[in-house]
Protein backbone atom coordinates (compact mmCIF):
# COMPACT_ATOMS: atom_id res chain seq x y z
CA MET A 1 -11.04 38.46 78.85
CA SER A 2 -14.48 37.38 79.25
CA THR A 3 -16.34 34.25 77.87
CA PRO A 4 -19.80 35.09 77.76
CA SER A 5 -22.73 32.46 77.43
CA VAL A 6 -26.21 32.49 77.41
CA THR A 7 -28.23 29.54 79.02
CA ILE A 8 -31.58 28.63 78.16
CA LEU A 9 -33.84 26.72 80.06
CA LYS A 10 -36.66 24.79 78.60
CA ASN A 11 -39.67 22.59 79.88
CA LEU A 12 -40.73 19.54 77.62
CA VAL A 13 -44.26 19.59 78.23
CA LEU A 14 -47.39 17.76 76.70
CA ASN A 15 -49.57 19.52 74.22
CA TRP A 16 -52.57 18.60 75.14
CA GLU A 17 -54.19 19.17 71.77
CA SER A 18 -51.48 17.56 69.75
CA ASN A 19 -50.66 14.97 72.52
CA GLN A 20 -46.88 15.92 71.42
CA MET A 21 -44.30 16.48 73.88
CA GLU A 22 -42.95 20.05 73.07
CA GLU A 23 -40.17 22.63 74.20
CA GLU A 24 -41.12 25.62 75.92
CA THR A 25 -38.62 28.32 77.11
CA ILE A 26 -38.80 28.94 80.53
CA ALA A 27 -35.97 31.47 81.13
CA THR A 28 -32.94 32.58 79.71
CA PHE A 29 -29.85 34.17 81.48
CA TYR A 30 -26.64 35.96 80.50
CA ARG A 31 -22.84 35.21 82.19
CA HIS A 32 -20.47 37.61 80.98
CA TRP A 33 -17.41 35.75 83.00
CA ASP A 34 -16.46 32.10 82.95
CA GLY A 35 -18.92 30.92 80.01
CA TYR A 36 -16.43 28.43 78.44
CA PRO A 37 -17.55 24.93 79.24
CA SER A 38 -14.72 23.95 81.45
CA CYS A 39 -16.30 26.59 84.05
CA HIS A 40 -20.22 26.92 83.04
CA ALA A 41 -21.00 23.54 81.96
CA ILE A 42 -19.16 22.12 85.32
CA ASP A 43 -21.47 24.90 87.05
CA ILE A 44 -24.68 23.76 85.51
CA ALA A 45 -23.81 19.80 85.55
CA ASN A 46 -22.79 20.67 89.34
CA SER A 47 -25.82 22.18 90.21
CA LEU A 48 -28.05 19.78 88.60
CA VAL A 49 -26.35 17.04 90.81
CA VAL A 50 -26.78 19.07 94.17
CA ALA A 51 -30.39 19.87 93.09
CA SER A 52 -30.83 16.11 92.86
CA ARG A 53 -30.03 15.48 96.33
CA THR A 54 -33.07 15.40 98.71
CA LYS A 55 -33.08 14.82 102.88
CA PRO A 56 -35.28 11.83 103.64
CA GLU A 57 -38.80 12.32 104.68
CA GLN A 58 -40.82 10.12 106.56
CA HIS A 59 -43.87 8.83 104.59
CA ILE A 60 -46.72 6.20 105.43
CA ASP A 61 -46.68 3.36 102.95
CA PHE A 62 -49.90 1.39 101.99
CA SER A 63 -49.54 -0.74 104.75
CA GLY A 64 -49.31 1.87 107.45
CA ALA A 65 -45.61 1.34 108.34
CA SER A 66 -43.46 4.69 108.60
CA VAL A 67 -40.69 4.63 105.80
CA GLU A 68 -38.09 6.86 104.65
CA ARG A 69 -38.11 8.14 100.98
CA ASP A 70 -36.04 10.87 99.15
CA ILE A 71 -37.95 12.57 97.12
CA LEU A 72 -38.13 15.52 94.87
CA ASN A 73 -41.20 17.79 93.27
CA ASN A 74 -40.71 17.17 89.62
CA ARG A 75 -43.59 19.21 88.70
CA ASN A 76 -41.04 22.32 88.20
CA TRP A 77 -37.71 20.61 87.90
CA CYS A 78 -36.24 24.11 87.24
CA GLN A 79 -36.88 25.37 90.51
CA HIS A 80 -34.10 23.08 92.11
CA PHE A 81 -31.80 23.70 89.70
CA LEU A 82 -31.90 27.49 90.13
CA LYS A 83 -31.58 27.20 93.92
CA ALA A 84 -28.44 25.19 93.73
CA MET A 85 -26.92 27.49 90.73
CA CYS A 86 -27.92 30.65 92.90
CA MET A 87 -26.33 29.07 95.98
CA ALA A 88 -23.10 28.29 94.02
CA ASP A 89 -23.18 32.25 93.39
CA ALA A 90 -22.81 31.89 89.58
CA ASP A 91 -22.37 35.26 88.26
CA ILE A 92 -25.97 35.32 86.22
CA GLU A 93 -28.09 38.01 84.81
CA PHE A 94 -31.97 36.95 83.67
CA ILE A 95 -32.87 38.33 80.36
CA GLY A 96 -35.81 38.42 77.95
CA GLU A 97 -35.67 36.35 75.14
CA ASP A 98 -35.94 39.23 72.86
CA ASN A 99 -32.87 40.83 74.47
CA VAL A 100 -30.30 37.90 73.77
CA PRO A 101 -26.85 39.09 73.67
CA SER A 102 -23.69 38.01 71.22
CA ALA A 103 -22.36 34.78 73.34
CA SER A 104 -19.47 32.55 73.19
CA TYR A 105 -21.46 29.62 73.87
CA THR A 106 -25.34 28.90 74.60
CA TYR A 107 -26.37 26.32 76.80
CA VAL A 108 -29.88 24.43 76.39
CA VAL A 109 -30.81 22.60 79.66
CA THR A 110 -34.38 20.89 79.13
CA GLY A 111 -36.00 19.02 81.77
CA ALA A 112 -39.44 17.03 81.42
CA TYR A 113 -41.92 18.97 82.95
CA ASP A 114 -45.23 16.81 84.41
CA ASN A 115 -47.98 19.37 83.57
CA PHE A 116 -50.94 17.05 84.06
CA GLY A 117 -51.71 17.54 87.75
CA GLY A 118 -50.24 17.52 91.12
CA LYS A 119 -46.82 16.74 92.36
CA VAL A 120 -44.83 14.04 90.67
CA SER A 121 -42.27 12.76 93.34
CA ILE A 122 -39.34 11.09 91.97
CA GLY A 123 -35.93 10.13 93.09
CA ALA A 124 -32.40 11.49 92.62
CA GLU A 125 -31.61 8.92 89.48
CA GLU A 126 -34.64 9.72 87.63
CA TYR A 127 -34.70 13.34 87.92
CA LEU A 128 -31.20 13.25 86.57
CA SER A 129 -32.13 11.25 83.75
CA ARG A 130 -35.19 13.80 82.79
CA ILE A 131 -32.76 16.98 82.04
CA ASN A 132 -30.85 16.82 78.99
CA ILE A 133 -27.60 19.47 78.20
CA LYS A 134 -26.84 20.68 75.08
CA VAL A 135 -23.96 23.12 74.27
CA TYR A 136 -23.40 25.03 71.28
CA GLU A 137 -20.75 27.22 69.97
CA GLY A 138 -22.17 30.62 69.48
CA ASP A 139 -26.06 30.73 69.24
CA GLU A 140 -28.58 27.83 69.48
CA ASN A 141 -28.09 27.20 65.56
CA GLY A 142 -24.16 27.23 66.05
CA ASN A 143 -22.08 23.76 66.22
CA LEU A 144 -23.55 21.35 68.53
CA VAL A 145 -20.18 20.38 70.67
CA PHE A 146 -22.28 18.59 73.54
CA GLU A 147 -25.49 16.64 74.57
CA GLY A 148 -26.13 14.83 77.19
CA GLY A 149 -26.61 14.24 81.27
CA ALA A 150 -25.35 15.82 84.10
CA ALA A 151 -22.53 13.33 84.64
CA GLU A 152 -21.51 13.13 80.86
CA CYS A 153 -21.17 17.01 80.86
CA LEU A 154 -18.99 16.57 83.95
CA ALA A 155 -16.58 14.46 82.11
CA TRP A 156 -16.86 16.21 78.93
CA ALA A 157 -16.39 19.63 80.30
CA ASP A 158 -13.61 18.87 82.23
CA GLY A 159 -11.41 17.96 79.03
CA TYR A 160 -13.16 20.17 76.42
CA CYS A 161 -10.29 22.49 74.89
CA GLY A 162 -12.72 23.74 72.29
CA HIS A 163 -10.35 25.32 69.11
CA CYS A 164 -6.87 24.48 71.07
């Protein structure tokens, strides 16, 4: 038996006209098998944690000294997440917003997107703090069963039982 799920990735962007932060859907994917929280929510949270890990890079600070820093390009947080999700070999299929199938669960992953210029370099903790996960039973209008960050999602999903 399958547990289908839909995952919606959103950027939280600054609307230049209203000067307000708004959600903008950037990708949607479907997973036919393993969409229940104890699998898919854990895959999402693990992929975010993996995405937050960086290799130290050598940089020159203002004094001219060479220093190592762990940095991520947060201009598009989603690229790091999708890379980690694909490396985990999760069986996902990208779909259009107009072609969303029925699902047992809908996951909405929203990350802060800095749309004001060049790359924004941040560390792992800040990267994770800028991303929120929501899990709904059914579609995005269904019962919200979880909202939080990657670490909280791992703890919640491990013990989530749904309607058992």
